[in-house]
Protein backbone atom coordinates (compact mmCIF):
# COMPACT_ATOMS: atom_id res chain seq x y z
CA MET A 1 5.11 6.49 -12.42
CA ASN A 2 7.33 6.77 -9.56
CA TYR A 3 8.06 3.96 -7.59
CA ARG A 4 9.28 3.63 -3.34
CA ILE A 5 9.44 0.30 -2.41
CA ILE A 6 9.15 0.09 1.74
CA PRO A 7 9.81 -3.72 2.94
CA VAL A 8 7.82 -5.24 5.64
CA THR A 9 7.64 -7.69 8.18
CA ALA A 10 11.02 -9.89 9.53
CA PHE A 11 10.90 -11.37 6.23
CA SER A 12 11.72 -8.21 4.39
CA GLN A 13 8.05 -8.51 1.88
CA ASN A 14 8.14 -5.89 -1.01
CA CYS A 15 5.48 -3.59 -0.58
CA SER A 16 5.66 -1.63 -3.39
CA LEU A 17 4.14 2.61 -3.18
CA ILE A 18 3.32 4.06 -5.98
CA TRP A 19 2.62 7.30 -7.53
CA CYS A 20 2.32 8.95 -10.16
CA GLU A 21 4.84 12.49 -10.22
CA GLN A 22 1.56 15.43 -11.94
CA THR A 23 -0.93 14.71 -8.89
CA ARG A 24 0.67 13.38 -6.49
CA LEU A 25 -1.71 10.39 -6.20
CA ALA A 26 -0.46 6.94 -4.88
CA ALA A 27 -1.58 3.39 -4.46
CA LEU A 28 -0.27 0.48 -2.20
CA VAL A 29 0.88 -2.82 -3.49
CA ASP A 30 1.09 -5.71 -0.88
CA PRO A 31 0.91 -3.95 2.68
CA GLY A 32 1.77 -7.50 4.04
CA GLY A 33 2.60 -6.05 7.44
CA ASP A 34 3.77 -2.73 9.13
CA ALA A 35 0.97 -0.28 9.92
CA GLU A 36 2.80 1.51 11.29
CA LYS A 37 5.99 2.17 8.61
CA ILE A 38 3.85 1.98 6.06
CA LYS A 39 2.30 4.77 7.28
CA GLN A 40 5.25 6.64 8.38
CA GLU A 41 6.15 6.94 3.81
CA VAL A 42 3.11 7.63 3.18
CA ASP A 43 2.55 10.12 5.26
CA ASP A 44 6.43 11.14 4.98
CA SER A 45 5.96 11.48 1.68
CA GLY A 46 3.26 14.51 0.92
CA LEU A 47 0.72 12.11 -1.51
CA THR A 48 -2.28 11.39 -1.68
CA LEU A 49 -3.28 7.53 -0.67
CA MET A 50 -6.14 7.16 -3.69
CA GLN A 51 -6.35 3.04 -3.10
CA ILE A 52 -4.56 -0.03 -1.96
CA LEU A 53 -3.89 -3.31 -4.44
CA LEU A 54 -2.91 -6.55 -3.77
CA THR A 55 -0.85 -8.66 -6.20
CA HIS A 56 -2.57 -12.65 -4.27
CA GLY A 57 -4.19 -13.26 -0.77
CA HIS A 58 -1.11 -13.95 0.75
CA LEU A 59 -0.98 -13.13 4.46
CA ASP A 60 2.50 -11.54 4.22
CA HIS A 61 0.68 -9.43 1.16
CA VAL A 62 -1.78 -8.77 2.44
CA GLY A 63 -1.95 -8.39 6.59
CA ALA A 64 -1.82 -4.81 7.03
CA ALA A 65 -4.28 -3.71 3.99
CA ALA A 66 -7.33 -3.74 6.19
CA GLU A 67 -6.17 -1.73 9.15
CA LEU A 68 -4.93 0.85 6.35
CA ALA A 69 -7.37 1.23 4.15
CA GLN A 70 -9.45 1.87 7.31
CA HIS A 71 -6.50 4.76 8.39
CA TYR A 72 -7.15 6.16 4.71
CA GLY A 73 -10.28 5.92 3.98
CA VAL A 74 -9.89 4.26 0.82
CA PRO A 75 -10.08 1.25 -1.53
CA VAL A 76 -8.25 -1.90 -1.03
CA PHE A 77 -8.78 -4.17 -5.15
CA TRP A 78 -7.50 -7.61 -5.66
CA PRO A 79 -7.31 -10.09 -8.72
CA GLY A 80 -11.21 -10.58 -9.59
CA LYS A 81 -12.62 -8.05 -7.49
CA ARG A 82 -14.11 -5.20 -10.04
CA ARG A 83 -14.82 -1.72 -8.87
């Protein structure tokens, strides 16, 4: 498992891009903002984004989740949401 921290928003919150090195399948964790910056990181990585994971519902952790989920056609999961 690998990861890359993507600082987002003016407060530099951590959005994490995590992936399996063998499969190149990835997830985003807490995409709080700066959707275009996150898209660029994902697209430049050559990874296949499979899902977005949210640790909790504060705006600085979920701000870009809907836009990214729609752009990549992936589901969003958060505490309490079942598959």
